[in-house]
Protein backbone atom coordinates (compact mmCIF):
# COMPACT_ATOMS: atom_id res chain seq x y z
CA ALA A 1 272.73 157.87 21.21
CA SER A 2 269.42 157.25 19.51
CA LEU A 3 268.22 154.05 17.96
CA LEU A 4 267.36 156.17 14.91
CA LYS A 5 271.06 156.12 13.96
CA MET A 6 270.71 152.40 13.32
CA SER A 7 269.31 151.29 10.01
CA GLU A 8 265.54 151.33 9.99
CA SER A 9 265.36 147.68 8.99
CA MET A 10 267.67 146.61 11.83
CA ARG A 11 265.67 148.65 14.31
CA LYS A 12 262.40 147.02 13.25
CA TYR A 13 263.95 143.57 13.33
CA LEU A 14 265.26 144.05 16.90
CA GLN A 15 261.83 145.18 18.01
CA SER A 16 260.24 142.19 16.30
CA LEU A 17 262.58 139.91 18.26
CA GLN A 18 261.47 141.53 21.50
CA ARG A 19 257.80 140.93 20.58
CA ARG A 20 258.28 137.21 19.98
CA ASP A 21 256.44 134.83 22.28
CA GLY A 22 258.61 134.34 25.37
CA ASN A 23 260.71 137.43 24.67
CA ASP A 24 257.71 139.67 25.36
CA ARG A 25 258.10 139.09 29.12
CA CYS A 26 261.17 139.58 31.31
CA ALA A 27 263.35 136.47 31.37
CA GLU A 28 263.79 136.85 35.15
CA CYS A 29 260.56 138.16 36.72
CA ASP A 30 258.04 137.73 33.88
CA LYS A 31 257.17 141.43 33.73
CA PRO A 32 255.47 142.28 30.39
CA ASN A 33 257.14 144.28 27.62
CA PRO A 34 260.82 144.26 28.68
CA ARG A 35 262.77 147.07 27.03
CA TRP A 36 266.30 146.03 27.98
CA ALA A 37 268.45 143.11 26.93
CA SER A 38 271.52 141.11 27.94
CA VAL A 39 273.39 140.74 24.68
CA THR A 40 275.77 138.16 26.16
CA LEU A 41 272.92 135.89 27.26
CA GLY A 42 270.55 136.73 24.40
CA ILE A 43 267.62 137.60 26.68
CA PHE A 44 265.20 140.50 27.14
CA VAL A 45 264.69 141.85 30.67
CA CYS A 46 262.78 144.62 32.45
CA ILE A 47 264.48 147.78 33.70
CA GLU A 48 264.60 146.53 37.32
CA CYS A 49 266.30 143.25 36.38
CA SER A 50 268.59 145.05 33.93
CA GLY A 51 270.00 147.02 36.86
CA ILE A 52 270.98 143.78 38.57
CA HIS A 53 272.45 142.38 35.35
CA ARG A 54 274.64 145.50 35.15
CA LYS A 55 276.18 144.53 38.50
CA LEU A 56 277.35 141.20 37.07
CA SER A 57 280.65 140.85 35.27
CA VAL A 58 280.43 141.99 31.65
CA SER A 59 281.71 138.55 30.69
CA ILE A 60 278.45 137.19 32.13
CA SER A 61 275.98 139.86 31.07
CA ARG A 62 276.37 142.98 28.92
CA VAL A 63 273.21 145.11 29.03
CA HIS A 64 271.79 147.30 26.24
CA SER A 65 268.58 149.28 25.93
CA VAL A 66 266.27 148.25 23.10
CA GLU A 67 265.11 151.86 22.79
CA LEU A 68 268.16 154.02 23.53
CA ASP A 69 271.40 152.25 22.60
CA ILE A 70 273.00 151.72 19.21
CA TRP A 71 273.12 148.04 18.23
CA LYS A 72 275.67 146.54 15.90
CA ASP A 73 274.52 143.91 13.45
CA GLU A 74 276.36 141.12 15.26
CA MET A 75 274.65 142.08 18.55
CA VAL A 76 271.22 141.75 16.96
CA GLN A 77 272.27 138.41 15.50
CA GLN A 78 273.26 137.29 19.00
CA MET A 79 269.74 138.09 20.20
CA GLU A 80 268.32 136.16 17.26
CA LYS A 81 270.31 133.06 18.20
CA GLY A 82 269.22 133.33 21.81
CA GLY A 83 265.84 134.09 23.35
CA ASN A 84 264.29 133.96 26.80
CA ARG A 85 262.96 130.43 26.54
CA GLN A 86 266.15 128.94 25.17
CA SER A 87 268.18 130.69 27.85
CA ASN A 88 265.96 129.48 30.70
CA GLU A 89 266.12 125.93 29.36
CA LYS A 90 269.85 126.13 30.06
CA TRP A 91 270.19 128.39 33.07
CA ALA A 92 266.98 127.40 34.91
CA ALA A 93 266.84 123.72 33.98
CA ASN A 94 267.07 122.44 37.56
CA VAL A 95 265.47 124.91 39.98
CA PRO A 96 264.87 123.37 43.44
CA PRO A 97 261.23 123.61 44.60
CA CYS A 98 262.37 125.50 47.73
CA TRP A 99 263.29 128.46 45.48
CA ILE A 100 260.60 131.00 44.61
CA ARG A 101 260.95 132.48 41.15
CA PRO A 102 260.68 136.27 41.32
CA ASN A 103 257.69 138.16 39.98
CA PRO A 104 257.37 141.88 39.16
CA ASN A 105 256.45 142.66 42.80
CA SER A 106 259.18 140.58 44.46
CA PRO A 107 261.57 142.25 46.95
CA HIS A 108 264.89 143.30 45.49
CA VAL A 109 266.85 140.65 47.42
CA CYS A 110 264.71 137.88 45.92
CA ARG A 111 265.18 139.21 42.39
CA GLU A 112 268.92 139.85 42.80
CA GLN A 113 269.74 136.51 44.38
CA TRP A 114 267.74 134.68 41.73
CA ILE A 115 269.85 136.31 39.01
CA ARG A 116 273.16 135.77 40.83
CA ALA A 117 272.33 132.15 41.65
CA LYS A 118 271.31 131.59 38.06
CA TYR A 119 274.35 133.01 36.25
CA GLU A 120 277.17 133.61 38.77
CA ARG A 121 276.80 130.57 41.00
CA ARG A 122 275.10 128.37 38.35
CA GLU A 123 272.84 126.75 40.92
CA PHE A 124 270.07 125.86 38.47
CA THR A 125 271.89 124.25 35.54
CA ALA A 126 271.24 120.62 34.68
CA ASP A 127 274.71 119.50 35.80
CA THR A 128 274.79 121.30 39.16
CA THR A 129 275.13 119.29 42.36
CA ASP A 130 273.64 119.72 45.83
CA ILE A 131 277.10 120.64 47.10
CA ASN A 132 276.57 123.99 45.38
CA ARG A 133 273.23 124.51 47.16
CA PRO A 134 273.39 123.09 50.72
CA TYR A 135 270.07 124.71 51.65
CA ILE A 136 268.27 121.96 49.73
CA LEU A 137 268.90 119.54 52.65
CA GLY A 138 266.67 121.58 54.96
CA SER A 139 269.29 122.13 57.66
CA MET A 140 271.55 125.09 58.39
CA GLN A 141 273.24 126.97 61.19
CA GLY A 142 274.86 130.37 61.48
CA PHE A 143 274.49 133.93 62.71
CA LEU A 144 271.70 136.34 61.84
CA PHE A 145 270.94 139.76 63.27
CA LYS A 146 267.68 139.63 65.25
CA ARG A 147 265.55 142.56 66.34
CA LYS A 148 264.86 142.80 70.06
CA LYS A 149 261.25 142.24 71.04
CA ASP A 150 260.58 145.75 72.37
CA SER A 151 263.12 147.97 70.60
CA ASP A 152 264.70 148.58 67.21
CA ASP A 153 268.01 147.19 68.40
CA TYR A 154 269.45 144.24 66.48
CA ARG A 155 271.68 141.64 68.12
CA ARG A 156 273.77 138.88 66.57
CA ARG A 157 272.16 135.54 67.38
CA PHE A 158 273.05 131.96 66.49
CA PHE A 159 270.29 130.17 64.55
CA VAL A 160 270.05 126.41 64.05
CA LEU A 161 267.69 124.68 61.62
CA LYS A 162 267.72 120.96 62.38
CA ASP A 163 265.36 118.03 62.99
CA ARG A 164 262.36 120.01 61.71
CA CYS A 165 262.85 122.75 64.31
CA LEU A 166 264.18 126.29 64.05
CA LYS A 167 266.03 127.48 67.16
CA TYR A 168 268.10 130.48 68.09
CA TYR A 169 270.64 130.95 70.86
CA ILE A 170 272.01 134.07 72.51
CA ASN A 171 275.54 132.73 72.01
CA GLU A 172 276.87 130.03 69.71
CA HIS A 173 277.93 127.69 72.50
CA ASP A 174 274.89 128.09 74.77
CA LYS A 175 273.42 124.79 75.92
CA ASN A 176 269.76 125.81 75.79
CA PRO A 177 268.08 127.77 73.00
CA LYS A 178 266.30 131.04 73.66
CA CYS A 179 263.45 129.97 71.41
CA THR A 180 262.39 126.74 69.66
CA MET A 181 259.88 126.76 66.78
CA PRO A 182 258.52 123.55 65.18
CA ILE A 183 259.11 124.14 61.49
CA ALA A 184 255.62 122.99 60.43
CA GLY A 185 254.15 126.05 62.19
CA VAL A 186 256.70 128.57 60.89
CA ASN A 187 256.03 131.05 58.10
CA ILE A 188 258.66 133.25 56.45
CA THR A 189 258.57 136.13 54.01
CA LEU A 190 261.15 138.42 52.42
CA ASP A 191 258.53 141.16 51.97
CA VAL A 192 259.04 142.63 55.44
CA PRO A 193 257.03 145.70 56.53
CA GLY A 194 259.19 148.30 58.26
CA MET A 195 262.51 146.82 57.12
CA GLU A 196 262.82 148.66 53.81
CA ASN A 197 266.16 150.14 54.92
CA ARG A 198 267.56 146.63 55.48
CA PRO A 199 267.59 144.93 52.06
CA ASN A 200 268.61 141.50 53.39
CA ALA A 201 265.70 141.16 55.80
CA MET A 202 263.38 138.25 56.55
CA LEU A 203 260.33 137.95 58.79
CA ILE A 204 259.80 134.71 60.71
CA ASN A 205 256.52 134.14 62.51
CA CYS A 206 255.04 131.31 64.53
CA ARG A 207 252.39 130.94 67.21
CA ASN A 208 253.75 130.79 70.74
CA ASP A 209 252.64 128.55 73.61
CA ILE A 210 249.62 130.69 74.46
CA GLY A 211 248.40 131.00 70.90
CA LEU A 212 249.80 134.44 70.03
CA ILE A 213 251.49 134.92 66.69
CA ARG A 214 255.07 136.08 67.25
CA ASN A 215 257.03 138.07 64.68
CA ILE A 216 260.81 137.69 64.61
CA PHE A 217 262.60 140.23 62.40
CA VAL A 218 266.06 139.21 61.18
CA TYR A 219 268.55 140.20 58.53
CA GLY A 220 271.75 138.72 57.15
CA ASP A 221 275.04 140.38 56.36
CA SER A 222 274.59 139.45 52.68
CA GLY A 223 271.78 138.79 50.26
CA GLN A 224 273.04 135.28 49.57
CA LYS A 225 273.01 134.39 53.27
CA ILE A 226 269.41 135.45 53.84
CA MET A 227 268.29 133.70 50.66
CA ASP A 228 270.07 130.50 51.72
CA TRP A 229 268.22 130.64 55.04
CA PHE A 230 264.94 131.35 53.27
CA CYS A 231 265.38 128.33 50.97
CA ALA A 232 266.60 126.08 53.79
CA ILE A 233 263.56 126.85 55.94
CA ARG A 234 261.24 126.27 52.99
CA SER A 235 262.98 122.98 52.23
CA SER A 236 262.71 121.85 55.86
CA LYS A 237 259.03 122.77 55.98
CA MET A 238 258.33 120.89 52.75
CA LEU A 239 259.87 117.77 54.30
CA ALA A 240 257.73 118.22 57.43
CA LEU A 241 254.56 118.79 55.40
CA ARG A 242 255.25 115.71 53.30
CA LEU A 243 255.24 113.58 56.47
CA GLN A 244 251.87 115.09 57.42
CA ASN A 245 250.43 114.97 53.87
CA PRO A 246 252.13 112.16 51.91
CA VAL A 247 249.61 112.39 49.06
CA LEU A 248 250.55 115.96 48.13
CA TYR A 249 252.70 116.62 45.07
CA THR A 250 255.98 118.53 45.34
CA HIS A 251 254.55 121.66 43.69
CA GLU A 252 251.68 121.64 46.21
CA LEU A 253 254.12 121.38 49.11
CA ALA A 254 256.12 124.29 47.63
CA VAL A 255 253.01 126.49 47.70
CA LEU A 256 252.38 125.63 51.37
CA ALA A 257 256.02 126.08 52.46
CA SER A 258 255.70 129.86 52.89
CA ARG A 259 253.39 132.71 52.02
CA ASP A 260 253.63 136.46 51.64
CA PHE A 261 251.05 138.70 53.22
CA THR A 262 248.05 139.37 51.01
CA MET A 263 248.13 143.04 51.99
CA TYR A 264 249.38 145.31 54.76
CA GLY A 265 249.16 148.98 55.71
CA ASP A 266 247.70 151.54 58.08
CA MET A 267 243.98 151.78 58.84
CA CYS A 268 241.95 153.14 61.72
CA LYS A 269 239.93 150.81 63.91
CA MET A 270 237.36 151.50 66.61
CA PRO A 271 238.11 149.38 69.71
CA PRO A 272 235.30 147.77 71.75
CA LYS A 273 233.62 150.00 74.33
CA GLN A 274 235.11 153.12 72.73
CA ASN A 275 233.81 155.68 70.27
CA LYS A 276 237.17 156.86 68.96
CA PHE A 277 239.14 155.59 65.99
CA GLN A 278 242.73 154.55 66.61
CA LYS A 279 245.46 154.07 64.04
CA ARG A 280 246.68 150.49 63.68
CA PHE A 281 248.97 148.65 61.30
CA PHE A 282 246.97 145.87 59.63
CA VAL A 283 248.22 142.67 58.03
CA LEU A 284 246.01 140.34 55.99
CA ASP A 285 247.66 136.93 56.37
CA GLY A 286 245.66 133.95 55.14
CA ASN A 287 242.30 134.12 56.90
CA TYR A 288 243.66 136.35 59.69
CA LEU A 289 243.40 140.13 59.70
CA ARG A 290 245.86 141.14 62.42
CA TYR A 291 246.46 144.60 63.77
CA TYR A 292 249.50 146.04 65.52
CA HIS A 293 250.43 149.22 67.33
CA ASP A 294 253.51 149.45 65.09
CA LYS A 295 254.53 147.55 61.96
CA LYS A 296 257.59 146.07 63.71
CA ASP A 297 255.84 144.89 66.87
CA ALA A 298 256.61 141.34 67.89
CA LEU A 299 253.04 140.59 68.98
CA PRO A 300 249.71 141.81 67.55
CA LEU A 301 247.15 143.67 69.58
CA GLY A 302 244.56 141.28 68.22
CA GLU A 303 243.30 139.54 65.14
CA ILE A 304 240.03 139.14 63.28
CA VAL A 305 239.40 135.62 62.05
CA LEU A 306 237.79 135.57 58.60
CA MET A 307 235.44 132.72 57.74
CA GLY A 308 233.30 131.74 54.78
CA GLY A 309 230.07 133.77 54.86
CA ASP A 310 231.70 136.93 56.25
CA ARG A 311 231.42 140.06 54.13
CA VAL A 312 232.63 143.62 53.56
CA ASP A 313 230.39 146.48 52.48
CA GLU A 314 229.81 150.22 52.73
CA ASN A 315 226.63 150.00 54.81
CA VAL A 316 227.96 152.13 57.64
CA PRO A 317 226.00 152.88 60.84
CA THR A 318 224.33 156.29 60.85
CA HIS A 319 226.61 157.78 63.50
CA LEU A 320 229.72 156.97 61.41
CA ARG A 321 228.57 158.31 58.05
CA GLU A 322 230.54 161.52 58.45
CA TYR A 323 233.75 159.57 57.84
CA ILE A 324 234.98 159.11 54.30
CA ASN A 325 236.92 156.02 53.17
CA ILE A 326 235.14 153.96 55.81
CA PHE A 327 233.78 150.44 55.32
CA MET A 328 232.40 147.61 57.42
CA LEU A 329 233.71 144.11 57.97
CA HIS A 330 230.95 141.74 59.14
CA THR A 331 232.15 138.48 60.69
CA SER A 332 230.56 135.50 62.39
CA SER A 333 232.70 136.21 65.47
CA ARG A 334 231.01 139.60 65.88
CA ALA A 335 227.38 138.78 65.24
CA ARG A 336 226.04 142.10 66.53
CA GLY A 337 227.20 144.71 64.07
CA GLY A 338 230.69 144.55 62.62
CA PHE A 339 234.11 146.13 62.50
CA PRO A 340 234.22 149.71 61.16
CA LEU A 341 237.54 150.27 59.36
CA LEU A 342 238.84 153.58 58.07
CA ALA A 343 241.30 153.55 55.16
CA GLN A 344 243.72 156.34 54.21
CA THR A 345 242.49 156.99 50.66
CA PRO A 346 239.65 155.88 48.37
CA GLU A 347 242.16 153.71 46.49
CA GLU A 348 243.36 152.05 49.70
CA LYS A 349 239.77 151.47 50.77
CA THR A 350 239.03 149.70 47.48
CA ARG A 351 242.18 147.59 47.71
CA TRP A 352 241.40 146.49 51.26
CA MET A 353 237.78 145.67 50.45
CA VAL A 354 238.75 143.66 47.37
CA ALA A 355 241.54 141.78 49.18
CA ILE A 356 239.28 140.86 52.13
CA HIS A 357 236.41 139.92 49.82
CA LEU A 358 238.60 137.62 47.73
CA THR A 359 239.93 135.95 50.89
CA ILE A 360 236.40 135.34 52.19
CA ASP A 361 235.33 134.08 48.77
CA LYS A 362 238.15 131.50 48.78
CA LEU A 363 237.22 130.45 52.31
CA GLY A 364 233.67 129.79 51.14
CA LYS A 365 234.81 127.69 48.19
CA PHE A 366 237.77 125.88 49.75
CA PRO A 367 237.30 126.01 53.55
CA GLN A 368 239.68 123.17 54.40
CA GLN A 369 242.45 124.61 52.24
CA TYR A 370 242.29 128.21 53.42
CA THR A 371 240.86 128.17 56.95
CA LEU A 372 243.32 128.31 59.84
CA ARG A 373 242.11 127.44 63.30
CA PRO A 374 241.88 130.56 65.47
CA SER A 375 243.74 130.65 68.77
CA TYR A 376 242.17 133.80 70.11
CA THR A 377 239.93 136.59 68.97
CA GLU A 378 239.16 140.09 70.08
CA ASP A 379 236.66 140.72 72.83
CA ASP A 380 233.52 141.75 70.95
CA SER A 381 231.24 142.29 73.95
CA ASP A 382 230.60 145.88 72.97
CA SER A 383 230.40 145.52 69.19
CA LEU A 384 228.18 147.79 67.16
CA SER A 385 224.55 146.92 67.65
CA SER A 386 222.52 145.92 64.61
CA SER A 387 219.90 148.35 65.89
CA SER A 388 222.15 151.15 64.66
CA GLY A 389 220.82 150.40 61.19
CA TYR A 390 222.69 149.59 57.99
CA SER A 391 221.85 151.44 54.82
CA PRO A 392 223.94 152.93 52.01
CA PRO A 393 225.42 156.29 53.08
CA LEU A 394 223.39 159.18 51.75
CA THR A 395 225.01 162.17 53.44
CA PRO A 396 228.40 163.68 52.49
CA ARG A 397 231.26 162.45 54.62
CA THR A 398 233.74 164.96 55.94
CA LEU A 399 236.04 163.21 58.42
CA THR A 400 239.10 161.56 56.91
CA PHE A 401 241.93 159.27 58.03
CA GLU A 402 244.01 162.37 58.86
CA ASN A 403 241.20 164.18 60.72
CA VAL A 404 240.96 161.55 63.45
CA GLN A 405 244.51 162.17 64.65
CA GLY A 406 243.05 164.39 67.34
CA THR A 407 241.19 161.44 68.85
CA ASN A 408 244.29 159.98 70.54
CA TRP A 409 244.55 157.16 68.02
CA GLY A 410 247.46 154.84 68.44
CA ALA A 411 247.97 155.87 72.06
CA THR A 412 246.19 153.01 73.81
CA ARG A 413 246.91 149.29 73.68
CA TYR A 414 243.90 147.09 74.02
């Protein structure tokens, strides 16, 4: 049914409510111009969050489209009495700092569990207690499904978060853990490359004893379980960071408790002592640009450490000017020449260059805040010589990301 069947005055008034300050952004993820509403709660939400609201009981949230559905007068009056800000003052009055509020780009599990915790489980109301949210204590134990290091096989493993360490055991009653990770060095993210078919996934990474970053891919048998683990690990890390940095405020500790990757995706890279591009999966994580043979590899093939003063540009050596979507990364660790990187499309090239540039810019302005101490770097003994010359490309480029597939890219580990 069309909104035109409503009275014109009622239609305009509903739209004016949606344009009010606070109502003009989704009540859940802050996406601009929400075109859906929960009549029961009196809030305006985006289409993605409206889909999650529809999964709730109608006694909790009844969803209508601002554009498409017919609204009765009493429904519009309900929206007038409510509003996004008033609703969040009630339902999000007491959000623990270990929770991350969703944004328009958040993974579905983060968005869904935020909404369910908010309205179904009432974890954020002013009168809630910590009994309803045990993750806030920074300790937890239970089973998660963990990916094997060298295959896409997932096994049930027993994880224990206790005494500022995260451990996992092959079996629940094993005496010794298979792996122990000090929580201060652990990072977690729910935006997990390669796990799109597993909606309750989480990536845990930490440097091992020899300085290599290790990725541990896990998933839970429910969205609530993986979110509880996510919040518990963040809470434990905040406690550990407070001991190391007692002058930091809680909101500063919350920022440091975990981080998503700045960017990730496929690019081609030319290894040292070779003249062929090879496909690699790249991850920009803080001031590290890591590259993997596959997006679900446990260990990277190497990493490029970004520092203040590094730069990206399009001044490509003469012998590489035939490639389109190519750019150069110049770092202090590779003084002679730089890293030639080949993106998939012009848009991807721009995104990578901007993301790397912004990271380097932050490193120059706030080196102590953004710089992470490198544990190892790639052998750059055969980097591109500066004698190759660097000048803006003048000739048309013909070789693309797809064209180099014939050069055995991705076949050699180095």
